[in-house]
Amino acid sequence: MDLAQPLKMICSYMSKPFKKSKIDKEFFILYKIVDSYSTEFEEHYRVQCINTKVILELTVEDLVFYLYILYGLHPVQACFIGIEYAKLWKTRMLDPENHGKPLNPMGRYAGYRYGSLNLLYQNRNGLLGFVCLNSGEEFLMDPRDIALSRELIEEFDVAHAFCIGVMAGNKMINPVVQSRHVVRPSLRLVKG
């Protein structure tokens, strides 16, 4: 029994770096949007590198195509950028020269990094399916409801939050008409 206690302590200390915790998110949030201003044609955002005085002035397009900065934002801010990007995309105010390969100095994005909610799919009605990783329970919600709920969007990874923002922005711009009158086709049999 005396040897089991130190062995348990060693195992618990060695497993701590591999356990997910709430503070893991702070290691990935490297930038924050601190201010914005509008010019005649576009909106500019001032993005600050955390714990420094470095401030970058970027447009929505720049934020989307510099993946290193986008993935370094807080999920709420990434969702907002997704909504703004969807608005620009729908109004066709994007510069076609910027639609090249996204600039990502980090290499390939690893996918899910933190958070307790994981985005799974979008059904034909535009609803998003996601799972709570703690309980394993699946949910189905409108992307606008997720984007407008700060508590929900904070629990997603930044890439998922950006995707939710884009889908919510698309739905905000093009609301689905609920009542469409469907006319049944009238067919006539013709003998030839």
Protein backbone atom coordinates (compact mmCIF):
# COMPACT_ATOMS: atom_id res chain seq x y z
CA MET A 1 0.00 0.00 0.00
CA ASP A 2 2.86 2.39 0.70
CA LEU A 3 4.20 2.03 -2.85
CA ALA A 4 0.79 2.52 -4.48
CA GLN A 5 0.35 6.09 -3.21
CA PRO A 6 3.54 7.55 -4.78
CA LEU A 7 2.81 5.66 -8.01
CA LYS A 8 -0.68 7.22 -8.16
CA MET A 9 0.80 10.67 -7.56
CA ILE A 10 3.35 10.21 -10.35
CA CYS A 11 0.65 9.02 -12.77
CA SER A 12 -1.61 11.95 -11.91
CA TYR A 13 1.22 14.48 -12.43
CA MET A 14 2.19 12.90 -15.75
CA SER A 15 -1.38 12.91 -17.06
CA LYS A 16 -2.08 16.59 -16.23
CA PRO A 17 -0.62 18.02 -19.46
CA PHE A 18 -2.90 15.75 -21.51
CA LYS A 19 -6.15 16.65 -19.75
CA LYS A 20 -8.39 19.26 -21.34
CA SER A 21 -9.35 22.14 -19.10
CA LYS A 22 -11.15 25.46 -19.37
CA ILE A 23 -7.89 27.45 -19.52
CA ASP A 24 -6.69 25.71 -22.68
CA LYS A 25 -8.57 28.29 -24.78
CA GLU A 26 -6.35 31.11 -23.52
CA PHE A 27 -3.29 29.48 -25.06
CA PHE A 28 -4.88 29.76 -28.51
CA ILE A 29 -6.36 33.28 -28.31
CA LEU A 30 -3.53 35.44 -29.61
CA TYR A 31 -5.40 38.40 -31.13
CA LYS A 32 -8.38 40.59 -30.31
CA ILE A 33 -10.35 43.15 -32.28
CA VAL A 34 -10.07 46.40 -30.36
CA ASP A 35 -11.60 48.98 -32.71
CA SER A 36 -13.14 49.51 -36.12
CA TYR A 37 -13.72 52.37 -38.50
CA SER A 38 -15.36 52.78 -41.87
CA THR A 39 -14.02 54.34 -45.01
CA GLU A 40 -16.05 55.15 -48.07
CA PHE A 41 -15.92 51.58 -49.39
CA GLU A 42 -15.11 49.18 -46.57
CA GLU A 43 -14.88 48.51 -42.87
CA HIS A 44 -11.44 48.34 -41.25
CA TYR A 45 -10.67 46.57 -37.98
CA ARG A 46 -7.84 47.23 -35.57
CA VAL A 47 -6.52 43.91 -34.32
CA GLN A 48 -4.16 43.83 -31.36
CA CYS A 49 -1.72 41.05 -30.63
CA ILE A 50 -2.38 39.98 -27.02
CA ASN A 51 0.13 41.26 -24.41
CA THR A 52 1.84 43.54 -26.92
CA LYS A 53 1.29 47.00 -28.33
CA VAL A 54 1.25 45.72 -31.91
CA ILE A 55 -1.90 46.81 -33.74
CA LEU A 56 -2.77 45.69 -37.26
CA GLU A 57 -5.34 47.42 -39.45
CA LEU A 58 -7.17 44.80 -41.50
CA THR A 59 -10.34 44.45 -43.54
CA VAL A 60 -12.74 41.53 -43.21
CA GLU A 61 -11.15 39.92 -46.27
CA ASP A 62 -7.70 40.22 -44.73
CA LEU A 63 -8.91 38.62 -41.50
CA VAL A 64 -10.48 35.73 -43.38
CA PHE A 65 -7.50 35.04 -45.63
CA TYR A 66 -4.82 35.38 -42.93
CA LEU A 67 -5.77 32.18 -41.16
CA TYR A 68 -3.14 32.65 -38.48
CA ILE A 69 -4.94 35.78 -37.27
CA LEU A 70 -8.43 34.34 -37.75
CA TYR A 71 -7.59 31.21 -35.73
CA GLY A 72 -6.05 33.40 -33.03
CA LEU A 73 -9.28 35.33 -32.35
CA HIS A 74 -11.82 34.63 -29.61
CA PRO A 75 -14.75 32.48 -30.86
CA VAL A 76 -17.25 35.34 -30.38
CA GLN A 77 -15.13 37.67 -32.53
CA ALA A 78 -14.56 34.95 -35.15
CA CYS A 79 -18.33 34.43 -35.35
CA PHE A 80 -18.80 38.18 -35.87
CA ILE A 81 -16.19 38.16 -38.65
CA GLY A 82 -18.04 35.22 -40.24
CA ILE A 83 -21.30 37.19 -40.24
CA GLU A 84 -19.60 40.23 -41.77
CA TYR A 85 -17.88 38.06 -44.39
CA ALA A 86 -21.23 36.51 -45.39
CA LYS A 87 -22.71 40.00 -45.80
CA LEU A 88 -19.83 41.03 -48.05
CA TRP A 89 -20.07 37.80 -50.01
CA LYS A 90 -23.80 38.26 -50.64
CA THR A 91 -23.46 41.90 -51.67
CA ARG A 92 -20.50 41.00 -53.93
CA MET A 93 -18.31 43.69 -52.40
CA LEU A 94 -15.30 41.38 -52.18
CA ASP A 95 -12.14 42.02 -54.14
CA PRO A 96 -11.68 39.12 -56.62
CA GLU A 97 -7.89 39.51 -56.46
CA ASN A 98 -7.91 38.45 -52.81
CA HIS A 99 -9.71 35.18 -53.51
CA GLY A 100 -6.60 33.11 -53.80
CA LYS A 101 -5.18 30.57 -51.46
CA PRO A 102 -5.59 31.53 -47.78
CA LEU A 103 -2.32 32.55 -46.18
CA ASN A 104 -1.56 30.20 -43.31
CA PRO A 105 1.98 30.29 -41.94
CA MET A 106 1.02 27.70 -39.28
CA GLY A 107 0.62 24.99 -41.87
CA ARG A 108 -2.50 22.87 -41.91
CA TYR A 109 -5.18 23.64 -39.32
CA ALA A 110 -5.46 20.86 -36.78
CA GLY A 111 -9.25 21.05 -36.60
CA TYR A 112 -10.78 20.88 -33.16
CA ARG A 113 -8.51 22.44 -30.52
CA TYR A 114 -10.66 23.44 -27.55
CA GLY A 115 -14.21 23.92 -26.36
CA SER A 116 -16.90 21.58 -25.17
CA LEU A 117 -19.11 21.74 -28.29
CA ASN A 118 -18.17 20.26 -31.65
CA LEU A 119 -19.94 21.12 -34.91
CA LEU A 120 -21.05 18.00 -36.80
CA TYR A 121 -23.28 18.79 -39.78
CA GLN A 122 -25.83 21.07 -41.44
CA ASN A 123 -29.11 19.53 -42.53
CA ARG A 124 -31.18 20.47 -45.60
CA ASN A 125 -33.24 22.97 -43.61
CA GLY A 126 -30.08 24.88 -42.68
CA LEU A 127 -30.06 23.75 -39.05
CA LEU A 128 -26.72 22.89 -37.47
CA GLY A 129 -26.08 19.68 -35.60
CA PHE A 130 -23.50 19.72 -32.84
CA VAL A 131 -22.49 17.52 -29.94
CA CYS A 132 -21.57 18.30 -26.34
CA LEU A 133 -18.28 16.49 -25.78
CA ASN A 134 -18.79 16.30 -22.01
CA SER A 135 -22.18 14.56 -22.11
CA GLY A 136 -22.25 13.14 -25.66
CA GLU A 137 -25.67 14.71 -26.23
CA GLU A 138 -26.48 15.94 -29.75
CA PHE A 139 -28.35 19.18 -30.49
CA LEU A 140 -29.95 20.69 -33.60
CA MET A 141 -30.29 24.51 -33.75
CA ASP A 142 -30.58 27.40 -36.16
CA PRO A 143 -27.16 29.04 -36.78
CA ARG A 144 -28.64 32.47 -35.98
CA ASP A 145 -29.64 31.28 -32.51
CA ILE A 146 -26.18 29.86 -31.88
CA ALA A 147 -24.44 33.01 -33.14
CA LEU A 148 -26.59 35.28 -30.97
CA SER A 149 -25.99 33.19 -27.83
CA ARG A 150 -22.67 34.22 -26.29
CA GLU A 151 -22.67 31.24 -23.92
CA LEU A 152 -23.05 28.77 -26.78
CA ILE A 153 -20.60 30.32 -29.24
CA GLU A 154 -17.87 30.55 -26.58
CA GLU A 155 -17.96 26.76 -26.22
CA PHE A 156 -17.04 26.17 -29.89
CA ASP A 157 -13.57 26.16 -31.41
CA VAL A 158 -12.75 29.32 -33.36
CA ALA A 159 -12.97 27.59 -36.77
CA HIS A 160 -16.42 26.24 -35.91
CA ALA A 161 -17.48 29.67 -34.59
CA PHE A 162 -16.40 31.29 -37.87
CA CYS A 163 -18.39 28.71 -39.90
CA ILE A 164 -21.44 29.29 -37.69
CA GLY A 165 -21.05 33.03 -38.28
CA VAL A 166 -20.94 32.57 -42.07
CA MET A 167 -24.04 30.35 -42.01
CA ALA A 168 -25.87 32.74 -39.68
CA GLY A 169 -24.92 35.69 -41.89
CA ASN A 170 -26.30 33.91 -44.95
CA LYS A 171 -29.58 33.24 -43.15
CA MET A 172 -29.79 36.82 -41.86
CA ILE A 173 -29.44 38.19 -45.39
CA ASN A 174 -31.73 35.68 -47.11
CA PRO A 175 -34.57 34.78 -44.76
CA VAL A 176 -36.45 31.70 -45.95
CA VAL A 177 -39.99 32.41 -47.05
CA GLN A 178 -42.22 30.15 -44.96
CA SER A 179 -45.31 30.00 -47.14
CA ARG A 180 -44.76 29.17 -50.77
CA HIS A 181 -47.73 28.22 -52.86
CA VAL A 182 -46.76 25.10 -54.75
CA VAL A 183 -48.76 24.51 -57.91
CA ARG A 184 -49.11 20.89 -58.85
CA PRO A 185 -48.25 20.27 -62.46
CA SER A 186 -51.20 19.41 -64.65
CA LEU A 187 -50.43 16.52 -66.94
CA ARG A 188 -52.39 15.60 -70.00
CA LEU A 189 -52.26 12.26 -71.72
CA VAL A 190 -51.74 12.63 -75.46
CA LYS A 191 -52.14 9.67 -77.78
CA GLY A 192 -49.98 9.81 -80.84
